[in-house]
Amino acid sequence: MKLNRRVAIVAASAVLVAASAQAQDRSSQFRASDGTIVTVTSGQPAPDRYGPPPAFEQLDGNRDGSISREEAEGYIPLLNDYDYLSPHSNRISRRQYDTWVRTHGH
């Protein structure tokens, strides 16, 4: 039984990777050998579904003057760019955030 589940997980992972490469909103269901149904959904929501970026103060939850990775989780587009914005400090300053908002047309 464990081997069948592993095979199903590997198969589902392969399908997920292949489906993700297509960059379309898609959902497919597969039946594993043990009868379990696995649903694989790929794609990303349109950027406009996130709404405008929040104020810096809303993301800086602990009020230390910077945004941590955990705080950036409050706005997914920022989290997606987090490593680019903070490669050395692992923090985003107010100036970096304001520049990011201006240059990304948010």
PDB file of N, CA and C in Angstrom:
ATOM      1  N   MET A   1       0.821  -1.196   0.000  1.00  0.00           N
ATOM      2  CA  MET A   1       0.000   0.000   0.000  1.00  0.00           C
ATOM      3  C   MET A   1       0.864   1.258   0.000  1.00  0.00           C
ATOM      4  N   LYS A   2       1.975   1.259   0.780  1.00  0.00           N
ATOM      5  CA  LYS A   2       2.843   2.430   0.816  1.00  0.00           C
ATOM      6  C   LYS A   2       3.480   2.678  -0.546  1.00  0.00           C
ATOM      7  N   LEU A   3       3.868   1.617  -1.234  1.00  0.00           N
ATOM      8  CA  LEU A   3       4.477   1.765  -2.542  1.00  0.00           C
ATOM      9  C   LEU A   3       3.493   2.390  -3.524  1.00  0.00           C
ATOM     10  N   ASN A   4       2.224   1.963  -3.512  1.00  0.00           N
ATOM     11  CA  ASN A   4       1.215   2.530  -4.405  1.00  0.00           C
ATOM     12  C   ASN A   4       1.013   4.013  -4.133  1.00  0.00           C
ATOM     13  N   ARG A   5       1.009   4.396  -2.870  1.00  0.00           N
ATOM     14  CA  ARG A   5       0.837   5.807  -2.515  1.00  0.00           C
ATOM     15  C   ARG A   5       2.032   6.622  -3.010  1.00  0.00           C
ATOM     16  N   ARG A   6       3.241   6.074  -2.863  1.00  0.00           N
ATOM     17  CA  ARG A   6       4.434   6.775  -3.352  1.00  0.00           C
ATOM     18  C   ARG A   6       4.382   6.935  -4.863  1.00  0.00           C
ATOM     19  N   VAL A   7       3.973   5.894  -5.546  1.00  0.00           N
ATOM     20  CA  VAL A   7       3.853   5.973  -7.002  1.00  0.00           C
ATOM     21  C   VAL A   7       2.830   7.037  -7.377  1.00  0.00           C
ATOM     22  N   ALA A   8       1.724   7.085  -6.668  1.00  0.00           N
ATOM     23  CA  ALA A   8       0.692   8.088  -6.944  1.00  0.00           C
ATOM     24  C   ALA A   8       1.218   9.494  -6.700  1.00  0.00           C
ATOM     25  N   ILE A   9       1.991   9.671  -5.649  1.00  0.00           N
ATOM     26  CA  ILE A   9       2.542  10.993  -5.341  1.00  0.00           C
ATOM     27  C   ILE A   9       3.547  11.409  -6.405  1.00  0.00           C
ATOM     28  N   VAL A  10       4.403  10.486  -6.808  1.00  0.00           N
ATOM     29  CA  VAL A  10       5.385  10.787  -7.854  1.00  0.00           C
ATOM     30  C   VAL A  10       4.672  11.128  -9.158  1.00  0.00           C
ATOM     31  N   ALA A  11       3.661  10.360  -9.503  1.00  0.00           N
ATOM     32  CA  ALA A  11       2.913  10.603 -10.738  1.00  0.00           C
ATOM     33  C   ALA A  11       2.212  11.953 -10.674  1.00  0.00           C
ATOM     34  N   ALA A  12       1.592  12.250  -9.544  1.00  0.00           N
ATOM     35  CA  ALA A  12       0.904  13.528  -9.397  1.00  0.00           C
ATOM     36  C   ALA A  12       1.888  14.688  -9.464  1.00  0.00           C
ATOM     37  N   SER A  13       3.069  14.509  -8.891  1.00  0.00           N
ATOM     38  CA  SER A  13       4.096  15.556  -8.943  1.00  0.00           C
ATOM     39  C   SER A  13       4.536  15.812 -10.371  1.00  0.00           C
ATOM     40  N   ALA A  14       4.726  14.749 -11.130  1.00  0.00           N
ATOM     41  CA  ALA A  14       5.133  14.896 -12.529  1.00  0.00           C
ATOM     42  C   ALA A  14       4.057  15.623 -13.328  1.00  0.00           C
ATOM     43  N   VAL A  15       2.821  15.291 -13.077  1.00  0.00           N
ATOM     44  CA  VAL A  15       1.715  15.951 -13.769  1.00  0.00           C
ATOM     45  C   VAL A  15       1.658  17.419 -13.380  1.00  0.00           C
ATOM     46  N   LEU A  16       1.868  17.702 -12.103  1.00  0.00           N
ATOM     47  CA  LEU A  16       1.845  19.084 -11.627  1.00  0.00           C
ATOM     48  C   LEU A  16       2.933  19.905 -12.294  1.00  0.00           C
ATOM     49  N   VAL A  17       4.127  19.374 -12.392  1.00  0.00           N
ATOM     50  CA  VAL A  17       5.229  20.085 -13.040  1.00  0.00           C
ATOM     51  C   VAL A  17       4.894  20.342 -14.504  1.00  0.00           C
ATOM     52  N   ALA A  18       4.392  19.335 -15.176  1.00  0.00           N
ATOM     53  CA  ALA A  18       4.044  19.489 -16.594  1.00  0.00           C
ATOM     54  C   ALA A  18       2.919  20.502 -16.777  1.00  0.00           C
ATOM     55  N   ALA A  19       1.920  20.444 -15.924  1.00  0.00           N
ATOM     56  CA  ALA A  19       0.788  21.366 -16.032  1.00  0.00           C
ATOM     57  C   ALA A  19       1.209  22.784 -15.704  1.00  0.00           C
ATOM     58  N   SER A  20       2.102  22.962 -14.748  1.00  0.00           N
ATOM     59  CA  SER A  20       2.553  24.295 -14.367  1.00  0.00           C
ATOM     60  C   SER A  20       3.300  24.963 -15.506  1.00  0.00           C
ATOM     61  N   ALA A  21       4.008  24.173 -16.289  1.00  0.00           N
ATOM     62  CA  ALA A  21       4.782  24.720 -17.391  1.00  0.00           C
ATOM     63  C   ALA A  21       3.882  25.336 -18.455  1.00  0.00           C
ATOM     64  N   GLN A  22       2.635  24.961 -18.494  1.00  0.00           N
ATOM     65  CA  GLN A  22       1.725  25.486 -19.503  1.00  0.00           C
ATOM     66  C   GLN A  22       1.228  26.887 -19.180  1.00  0.00           C
ATOM     67  N   ALA A  23       1.347  27.346 -17.937  1.00  0.00           N
ATOM     68  CA  ALA A  23       0.962  28.690 -17.501  1.00  0.00           C
ATOM     69  C   ALA A  23      -0.490  29.029 -17.841  1.00  0.00           C
ATOM     70  N   GLN A  24      -1.360  28.090 -17.693  1.00  0.00           N
ATOM     71  CA  GLN A  24      -2.783  28.317 -17.885  1.00  0.00           C
ATOM     72  C   GLN A  24      -3.496  27.868 -16.629  1.00  0.00           C
ATOM     73  N   ASP A  25      -4.658  28.488 -16.361  1.00  0.00           N
ATOM     74  CA  ASP A  25      -5.459  28.012 -15.242  1.00  0.00           C
ATOM     75  C   ASP A  25      -6.121  26.712 -15.681  1.00  0.00           C
ATOM     76  N   ARG A  26      -5.683  25.616 -15.072  1.00  0.00           N
ATOM     77  CA  ARG A  26      -6.211  24.308 -15.431  1.00  0.00           C
ATOM     78  C   ARG A  26      -6.376  23.476 -14.183  1.00  0.00           C
ATOM     79  N   SER A  27      -7.325  22.584 -14.238  1.00  0.00           N
ATOM     80  CA  SER A  27      -7.533  21.645 -13.149  1.00  0.00           C
ATOM     81  C   SER A  27      -7.819  20.289 -13.764  1.00  0.00           C
ATOM     82  N   SER A  28      -7.117  19.268 -13.281  1.00  0.00           N
ATOM     83  CA  SER A  28      -7.303  17.912 -13.775  1.00  0.00           C
ATOM     84  C   SER A  28      -7.380  16.961 -12.597  1.00  0.00           C
ATOM     85  N   GLN A  29      -8.148  15.909 -12.756  1.00  0.00           N
ATOM     86  CA  GLN A  29      -8.247  14.897 -11.711  1.00  0.00           C
ATOM     87  C   GLN A  29      -7.715  13.572 -12.239  1.00  0.00           C
ATOM     88  N   PHE A  30      -7.028  12.868 -11.337  1.00  0.00           N
ATOM     89  CA  PHE A  30      -6.457  11.568 -11.673  1.00  0.00           C
ATOM     90  C   PHE A  30      -6.797  10.587 -10.568  1.00  0.00           C
ATOM     91  N   ARG A  31      -6.986   9.346 -10.931  1.00  0.00           N
ATOM     92  CA  ARG A  31      -7.263   8.303  -9.946  1.00  0.00           C
ATOM     93  C   ARG A  31      -5.996   7.489  -9.736  1.00  0.00           C
ATOM     94  N   ALA A  32      -5.520   7.461  -8.483  1.00  0.00           N
ATOM     95  CA  ALA A  32      -4.329   6.682  -8.135  1.00  0.00           C
ATOM     96  C   ALA A  32      -4.705   5.209  -8.090  1.00  0.00           C
ATOM     97  N   SER A  33      -3.698   4.368  -8.078  1.00  0.00           N
ATOM     98  CA  SER A  33      -3.942   2.927  -8.092  1.00  0.00           C
ATOM     99  C   SER A  33      -4.698   2.448  -6.855  1.00  0.00           C
ATOM    100  N   ASP A  34      -4.643   3.217  -5.762  1.00  0.00           N
ATOM    101  CA  ASP A  34      -5.382   2.819  -4.555  1.00  0.00           C
ATOM    102  C   ASP A  34      -6.792   3.409  -4.525  1.00  0.00           C
ATOM    103  N   GLY A  35      -7.189   4.082  -5.615  1.00  0.00           N
ATOM    104  CA  GLY A  35      -8.534   4.644  -5.696  1.00  0.00           C
ATOM    105  C   GLY A  35      -8.626   6.104  -5.278  1.00  0.00           C
ATOM    106  N   THR A  36      -7.570   6.642  -4.690  1.00  0.00           N
ATOM    107  CA  THR A  36      -7.564   8.037  -4.272  1.00  0.00           C
ATOM    108  C   THR A  36      -7.618   8.940  -5.492  1.00  0.00           C
ATOM    109  N   ILE A  37      -8.438   9.974  -5.420  1.00  0.00           N
ATOM    110  CA  ILE A  37      -8.514  10.938  -6.510  1.00  0.00           C
ATOM    111  C   ILE A  37      -7.604  12.111  -6.167  1.00  0.00           C
ATOM    112  N   VAL A  38      -6.720  12.429  -7.100  1.00  0.00           N
ATOM    113  CA  VAL A  38      -5.781  13.520  -6.934  1.00  0.00           C
ATOM    114  C   VAL A  38      -6.185  14.630  -7.900  1.00  0.00           C
ATOM    115  N   THR A  39      -6.388  15.841  -7.384  1.00  0.00           N
ATOM    116  CA  THR A  39      -6.707  16.991  -8.217  1.00  0.00           C
ATOM    117  C   THR A  39      -5.479  17.866  -8.332  1.00  0.00           C
ATOM    118  N   VAL A  40      -5.100  18.193  -9.551  1.00  0.00           N
ATOM    119  CA  VAL A  40      -3.952  19.045  -9.810  1.00  0.00           C
ATOM    120  C   VAL A  40      -4.473  20.314 -10.474  1.00  0.00           C
ATOM    121  N   THR A  41      -4.179  21.457  -9.847  1.00  0.00           N
ATOM    122  CA  THR A  41      -4.585  22.751 -10.383  1.00  0.00           C
ATOM    123  C   THR A  41      -3.339  23.577 -10.624  1.00  0.00           C
ATOM    124  N   SER A  42      -3.241  24.194 -11.772  1.00  0.00           N
ATOM    125  CA  SER A  42      -2.088  25.016 -12.081  1.00  0.00           C
ATOM    126  C   SER A  42      -2.540  26.373 -12.583  1.00  0.00           C
ATOM    127  N   GLY A  43      -1.636  27.326 -12.524  1.00  0.00           N
ATOM    128  CA  GLY A  43      -1.917  28.660 -13.024  1.00  0.00           C
ATOM    129  C   GLY A  43      -1.793  29.678 -11.918  1.00  0.00           C
ATOM    130  N   GLN A  44      -1.838  30.935 -12.289  1.00  0.00           N
ATOM    131  CA  GLN A  44      -1.752  32.027 -11.333  1.00  0.00           C
ATOM    132  C   GLN A  44      -2.916  32.974 -11.547  1.00  0.00           C
ATOM    133  N   PRO A  45      -3.392  33.585 -10.482  1.00  0.00           N
ATOM    134  CA  PRO A  45      -4.463  34.564 -10.658  1.00  0.00           C
ATOM    135  C   PRO A  45      -3.926  35.805 -11.375  1.00  0.00           C
ATOM    136  N   ALA A  46      -4.799  36.512 -12.026  1.00  0.00           N
ATOM    137  CA  ALA A  46      -4.399  37.755 -12.676  1.00  0.00           C
ATOM    138  C   ALA A  46      -3.899  38.728 -11.608  1.00  0.00           C
ATOM    139  N   PRO A  47      -2.859  39.499 -11.914  1.00  0.00           N
ATOM    140  CA  PRO A  47      -2.299  40.414 -10.910  1.00  0.00           C
ATOM    141  C   PRO A  47      -3.319  41.389 -10.332  1.00  0.00           C
ATOM    142  N   ASP A  48      -4.322  41.768 -11.103  1.00  0.00           N
ATOM    143  CA  ASP A  48      -5.283  42.748 -10.600  1.00  0.00           C
ATOM    144  C   ASP A  48      -6.201  42.189  -9.515  1.00  0.00           C
ATOM    145  N   ARG A  49      -6.173  40.901  -9.293  1.00  0.00           N
ATOM    146  CA  ARG A  49      -7.004  40.316  -8.243  1.00  0.00           C
ATOM    147  C   ARG A  49      -6.453  40.601  -6.850  1.00  0.00           C
ATOM    148  N   TYR A  50      -5.210  41.048  -6.775  1.00  0.00           N
ATOM    149  CA  TYR A  50      -4.609  41.322  -5.473  1.00  0.00           C
ATOM    150  C   TYR A  50      -4.996  42.691  -4.943  1.00  0.00           C
ATOM    151  N   GLY A  51      -5.404  43.584  -5.810  1.00  0.00           N
ATOM    152  CA  GLY A  51      -5.726  44.930  -5.382  1.00  0.00           C
ATOM    153  C   GLY A  51      -4.468  45.760  -5.207  1.00  0.00           C
ATOM    154  N   PRO A  52      -4.644  47.009  -4.813  1.00  0.00           N
ATOM    155  CA  PRO A  52      -3.480  47.882  -4.659  1.00  0.00           C
ATOM    156  C   PRO A  52      -2.618  47.450  -3.472  1.00  0.00           C
ATOM    157  N   PRO A  53      -1.334  47.770  -3.521  1.00  0.00           N
ATOM    158  CA  PRO A  53      -0.473  47.396  -2.398  1.00  0.00           C
ATOM    159  C   PRO A  53      -0.874  48.140  -1.128  1.00  0.00           C
ATOM    160  N   PRO A  54      -0.760  47.477  -0.003  1.00  0.00           N
ATOM    161  CA  PRO A  54      -1.098  48.137   1.259  1.00  0.00           C
ATOM    162  C   PRO A  54      -0.033  49.167   1.631  1.00  0.00           C
ATOM    163  N   ALA A  55      -0.381  50.037   2.543  1.00  0.00           N
ATOM    164  CA  ALA A  55       0.588  51.003   3.057  1.00  0.00           C
ATOM    165  C   ALA A  55       1.724  50.247   3.746  1.00  0.00           C
ATOM    166  N   PHE A  56       2.906  50.832   3.721  1.00  0.00           N
ATOM    167  CA  PHE A  56       4.074  50.230   4.355  1.00  0.00           C
ATOM    168  C   PHE A  56       3.761  49.860   5.803  1.00  0.00           C
ATOM    169  N   GLU A  57       3.080  50.744   6.514  1.00  0.00           N
ATOM    170  CA  GLU A  57       2.764  50.515   7.933  1.00  0.00           C
ATOM    171  C   GLU A  57       1.895  49.279   8.150  1.00  0.00           C
ATOM    172  N   GLN A  58       1.057  48.964   7.188  1.00  0.00           N
ATOM    173  CA  GLN A  58       0.218  47.777   7.315  1.00  0.00           C
ATOM    174  C   GLN A  58       1.040  46.497   7.233  1.00  0.00           C
ATOM    175  N   LEU A  59       2.086  46.510   6.442  1.00  0.00           N
ATOM    176  CA  LEU A  59       2.923  45.318   6.301  1.00  0.00           C
ATOM    177  C   LEU A  59       3.964  45.220   7.410  1.00  0.00           C
ATOM    178  N   ASP A  60       4.416  46.351   7.925  1.00  0.00           N
ATOM    179  CA  ASP A  60       5.418  46.364   8.993  1.00  0.00           C
ATOM    180  C   ASP A  60       4.714  46.127  10.326  1.00  0.00           C
ATOM    181  N   GLY A  61       4.326  44.884  10.533  1.00  0.00           N
ATOM    182  CA  GLY A  61       3.514  44.529  11.699  1.00  0.00           C
ATOM    183  C   GLY A  61       4.162  44.796  13.037  1.00  0.00           C
ATOM    184  N   ASN A  62       5.469  44.614  13.145  1.00  0.00           N
ATOM    185  CA  ASN A  62       6.127  44.819  14.434  1.00  0.00           C
ATOM    186  C   ASN A  62       6.690  46.231  14.577  1.00  0.00           C
ATOM    187  N   ARG A  63       6.427  47.079  13.600  1.00  0.00           N
ATOM    188  CA  ARG A  63       6.795  48.497  13.630  1.00  0.00           C
ATOM    189  C   ARG A  63       8.295  48.728  13.831  1.00  0.00           C
ATOM    190  N   ASP A  64       9.126  47.886  13.193  1.00  0.00           N
ATOM    191  CA  ASP A  64      10.570  48.063  13.335  1.00  0.00           C
ATOM    192  C   ASP A  64      11.185  48.841  12.169  1.00  0.00           C
ATOM    193  N   GLY A  65      10.351  49.339  11.253  1.00  0.00           N
ATOM    194  CA  GLY A  65      10.839  50.149  10.142  1.00  0.00           C
ATOM    195  C   GLY A  65      11.258  49.356   8.924  1.00  0.00           C
ATOM    196  N   SER A  66      10.977  48.056   8.908  1.00  0.00           N
ATOM    197  CA  SER A  66      11.291  47.234   7.750  1.00  0.00           C
ATOM    198  C   SER A  66      10.287  46.084   7.653  1.00  0.00           C
ATOM    199  N   ILE A  67      10.268  45.446   6.484  1.00  0.00           N
ATOM    200  CA  ILE A  67       9.336  44.349   6.230  1.00  0.00           C
ATOM    201  C   ILE A  67      10.122  43.050   6.142  1.00  0.00           C
ATOM    202  N   SER A  68       9.784  42.102   6.985  1.00  0.00           N
ATOM    203  CA  SER A  68      10.416  40.784   6.962  1.00  0.00           C
ATOM    204  C   SER A  68       9.711  39.902   5.933  1.00  0.00           C
ATOM    205  N   ARG A  69      10.275  38.746   5.661  1.00  0.00           N
ATOM    206  CA  ARG A  69       9.632  37.802   4.744  1.00  0.00           C
ATOM    207  C   ARG A  69       8.239  37.429   5.256  1.00  0.00           C
ATOM    208  N   GLU A  70       8.124  37.172   6.541  1.00  0.00           N
ATOM    209  CA  GLU A  70       6.828  36.797   7.116  1.00  0.00           C
ATOM    210  C   GLU A  70       5.816  37.930   6.963  1.00  0.00           C
ATOM    211  N   GLU A  71       6.255  39.161   7.139  1.00  0.00           N
ATOM    212  CA  GLU A  71       5.345  40.299   6.984  1.00  0.00           C
ATOM    213  C   GLU A  71       4.966  40.490   5.517  1.00  0.00           C
ATOM    214  N   ALA A  72       5.898  40.197   4.603  1.00  0.00           N
ATOM    215  CA  ALA A  72       5.627  40.332   3.168  1.00  0.00           C
ATOM    216  C   ALA A  72       4.563  39.350   2.703  1.00  0.00           C
ATOM    217  N   GLU A  73       4.335  38.287   3.464  1.00  0.00           N
ATOM    218  CA  GLU A  73       3.295  37.324   3.106  1.00  0.00           C
ATOM    219  C   GLU A  73       1.910  37.982   3.093  1.00  0.00           C
ATOM    220  N   GLY A  74       1.795  39.165   3.669  1.00  0.00           N
ATOM    221  CA  GLY A  74       0.527  39.891   3.665  1.00  0.00           C
ATOM    222  C   GLY A  74       0.159  40.455   2.304  1.00  0.00           C
ATOM    223  N   TYR A  75       1.101  40.486   1.367  1.00  0.00           N
ATOM    224  CA  TYR A  75       0.832  40.968   0.008  1.00  0.00           C
ATOM    225  C   TYR A  75       1.661  40.112  -0.952  1.00  0.00           C
ATOM    226  N   ILE A  76       1.038  39.138  -1.567  1.00  0.00           N
ATOM    227  CA  ILE A  76       1.712  38.113  -2.359  1.00  0.00           C
ATOM    228  C   ILE A  76       2.607  38.680  -3.465  1.00  0.00           C
ATOM    229  N   PRO A  77       2.200  39.721  -4.211  1.00  0.00           N
ATOM    230  CA  PRO A  77       3.123  40.244  -5.221  1.00  0.00           C
ATOM    231  C   PRO A  77       4.459  40.711  -4.605  1.00  0.00           C
ATOM    232  N   LEU A  78       4.425  41.275  -3.414  1.00  0.00           N
ATOM    233  CA  LEU A  78       5.659  41.675  -2.741  1.00  0.00           C
ATOM    234  C   LEU A  78       6.454  40.446  -2.325  1.00  0.00           C
ATOM    235  N   LEU A  79       5.789  39.456  -1.807  1.00  0.00           N
ATOM    236  CA  LEU A  79       6.473  38.219  -1.413  1.00  0.00           C
ATOM    237  C   LEU A  79       7.162  37.583  -2.617  1.00  0.00           C
ATOM    238  N   ASN A  80       6.514  37.618  -3.778  1.00  0.00           N
ATOM    239  CA  ASN A  80       7.100  37.052  -4.992  1.00  0.00           C
ATOM    240  C   ASN A  80       8.421  37.732  -5.360  1.00  0.00           C
ATOM    241  N   ASP A  81       8.562  39.019  -5.052  1.00  0.00           N
ATOM    242  CA  ASP A  81       9.773  39.775  -5.378  1.00  0.00           C
ATOM    243  C   ASP A  81      10.709  39.931  -4.183  1.00  0.00           C
ATOM    244  N   TYR A  82      10.395  39.297  -3.080  1.00  0.00           N
ATOM    245  CA  TYR A  82      11.117  39.528  -1.827  1.00  0.00           C
ATOM    246  C   TYR A  82      12.617  39.261  -1.937  1.00  0.00           C
ATOM    247  N   ASP A  83      13.004  38.129  -2.491  1.00  0.00           N
ATOM    248  CA  ASP A  83      14.427  37.796  -2.571  1.00  0.00           C
ATOM    249  C   ASP A  83      15.190  38.780  -3.455  1.00  0.00           C
ATOM    250  N   TYR A  84      14.543  39.284  -4.474  1.00  0.00           N
ATOM    251  CA  TYR A  84      15.163  40.280  -5.345  1.00  0.00           C
ATOM    252  C   TYR A  84      15.368  41.599  -4.600  1.00  0.00           C
ATOM    253  N   LEU A  85      14.393  41.981  -3.790  1.00  0.00           N
ATOM    254  CA  LEU A  85      14.451  43.263  -3.083  1.00  0.00           C
ATOM    255  C   LEU A  85      15.388  43.258  -1.887  1.00  0.00           C
ATOM    256  N   SER A  86      15.580  42.126  -1.272  1.00  0.00           N
ATOM    257  CA  SER A  86      16.364  42.084  -0.031  1.00  0.00           C
ATOM    258  C   SER A  86      17.415  40.976  -0.054  1.00  0.00           C
ATOM    259  N   PRO A  87      18.304  40.968  -1.051  1.00  0.00           N
ATOM    260  CA  PRO A  87      19.243  39.847  -1.163  1.00  0.00           C
ATOM    261  C   PRO A  87      20.256  39.763  -0.023  1.00  0.00           C
ATOM    262  N   HIS A  88      20.576  40.876   0.612  1.00  0.00           N
ATOM    263  CA  HIS A  88      21.618  40.861   1.643  1.00  0.00           C
ATOM    264  C   HIS A  88      21.080  41.055   3.052  1.00  0.00           C
ATOM    265  N   SER A  89      20.063  41.875   3.192  1.00  0.00           N
ATOM    266  CA  SER A  89      19.592  42.224   4.533  1.00  0.00           C
ATOM    267  C   SER A  89      18.437  41.361   5.018  1.00  0.00           C
ATOM    268  N   ASN A  90      17.764  40.672   4.099  1.00  0.00           N
ATOM    269  CA  ASN A  90      16.555  39.910   4.443  1.00  0.00           C
ATOM    270  C   ASN A  90      15.488  40.791   5.063  1.00  0.00           C
ATOM    271  N   ARG A  91      15.504  42.049   4.728  1.00  0.00           N
ATOM    272  CA  ARG A  91      14.503  43.015   5.178  1.00  0.00           C
ATOM    273  C   ARG A  91      14.255  43.984   4.022  1.00  0.00           C
ATOM    274  N   ILE A  92      13.074  44.556   3.955  1.00  0.00           N
ATOM    275  CA  ILE A  92      12.756  45.574   2.957  1.00  0.00           C
ATOM    276  C   ILE A  92      12.505  46.882   3.695  1.00  0.00           C
ATOM    277  N   SER A  93      13.268  47.914   3.319  1.00  0.00           N
ATOM    278  CA  SER A  93      13.115  49.226   3.961  1.00  0.00           C
ATOM    279  C   SER A  93      11.928  49.964   3.348  1.00  0.00           C
ATOM    280  N   ARG A  94      11.542  51.046   3.982  1.00  0.00           N
ATOM    281  CA  ARG A  94      10.460  51.876   3.443  1.00  0.00           C
ATOM    282  C   ARG A  94      10.848  52.395   2.054  1.00  0.00           C
ATOM    283  N   ARG A  95      12.099  52.839   1.901  1.00  0.00           N
ATOM    284  CA  ARG A  95      12.548  53.355   0.609  1.00  0.00           C
ATOM    285  C   ARG A  95      12.473  52.273  -0.469  1.00  0.00           C
ATOM    286  N   GLN A  96      12.924  51.055  -0.157  1.00  0.00           N
ATOM    287  CA  GLN A  96      12.849  49.960  -1.120  1.00  0.00           C
ATOM    288  C   GLN A  96      11.396  49.653  -1.483  1.00  0.00           C
ATOM    289  N   TYR A  97      10.521  49.652  -0.488  1.00  0.00           N
ATOM    290  CA  TYR A  97       9.110  49.366  -0.735  1.00  0.00           C
ATOM    291  C   TYR A  97       8.488  50.439  -1.623  1.00  0.00           C
ATOM    292  N   ASP A  98       8.745  51.714  -1.305  1.00  0.00           N
ATOM    293  CA  ASP A  98       8.179  52.809  -2.100  1.00  0.00           C
ATOM    294  C   ASP A  98       8.670  52.738  -3.548  1.00  0.00           C
ATOM    295  N   THR A  99       9.948  52.421  -3.741  1.00  0.00           N
ATOM    296  CA  THR A  99      10.495  52.278  -5.092  1.00  0.00           C
ATOM    297  C   THR A  99       9.843  51.103  -5.809  1.00  0.00           C
ATOM    298  N   TRP A 100       9.667  50.003  -5.110  1.00  0.00           N
ATOM    299  CA  TRP A 100       9.032  48.823  -5.702  1.00  0.00           C
ATOM    300  C   TRP A 100       7.596  49.155  -6.139  1.00  0.00           C
ATOM    301  N   VAL A 101       6.859  49.864  -5.303  1.00  0.00           N
ATOM    302  CA  VAL A 101       5.474  50.232  -5.638  1.00  0.00           C
ATOM    303  C   VAL A 101       5.465  51.105  -6.889  1.00  0.00           C
ATOM    304  N   ARG A 102       6.356  52.099  -6.959  1.00  0.00           N
ATOM    305  CA  ARG A 102       6.404  53.003  -8.127  1.00  0.00           C
ATOM    306  C   ARG A 102       6.814  52.274  -9.405  1.00  0.00           C
ATOM    307  N   THR A 103       7.836  51.428  -9.326  1.00  0.00           N
ATOM    308  CA  THR A 103       8.363  50.804 -10.545  1.00  0.00           C
ATOM    309  C   THR A 103       7.539  49.637 -11.051  1.00  0.00           C
ATOM    310  N   HIS A 104       6.699  49.090 -10.230  1.00  0.00           N
ATOM    311  CA  HIS A 104       5.874  47.969 -10.662  1.00  0.00           C
ATOM    312  C   HIS A 104       4.467  48.402 -11.063  1.00  0.00           C
ATOM    313  N   GLY A 105       4.239  49.715 -11.069  1.00  0.00           N
ATOM    314  CA  GLY A 105       2.963  50.235 -11.550  1.00  0.00           C
ATOM    315  C   GLY A 105       1.776  49.858 -10.690  1.00  0.00           C
ATOM    316  N   HIS A 106       2.005  49.593  -9.435  1.00  0.00           N
ATOM    317  CA  HIS A 106       0.913  49.199  -8.548  1.00  0.00           C
ATOM    318  C   HIS A 106       0.165  50.411  -8.063  1.00  0.00           C
TER     319      HIS A 106
END
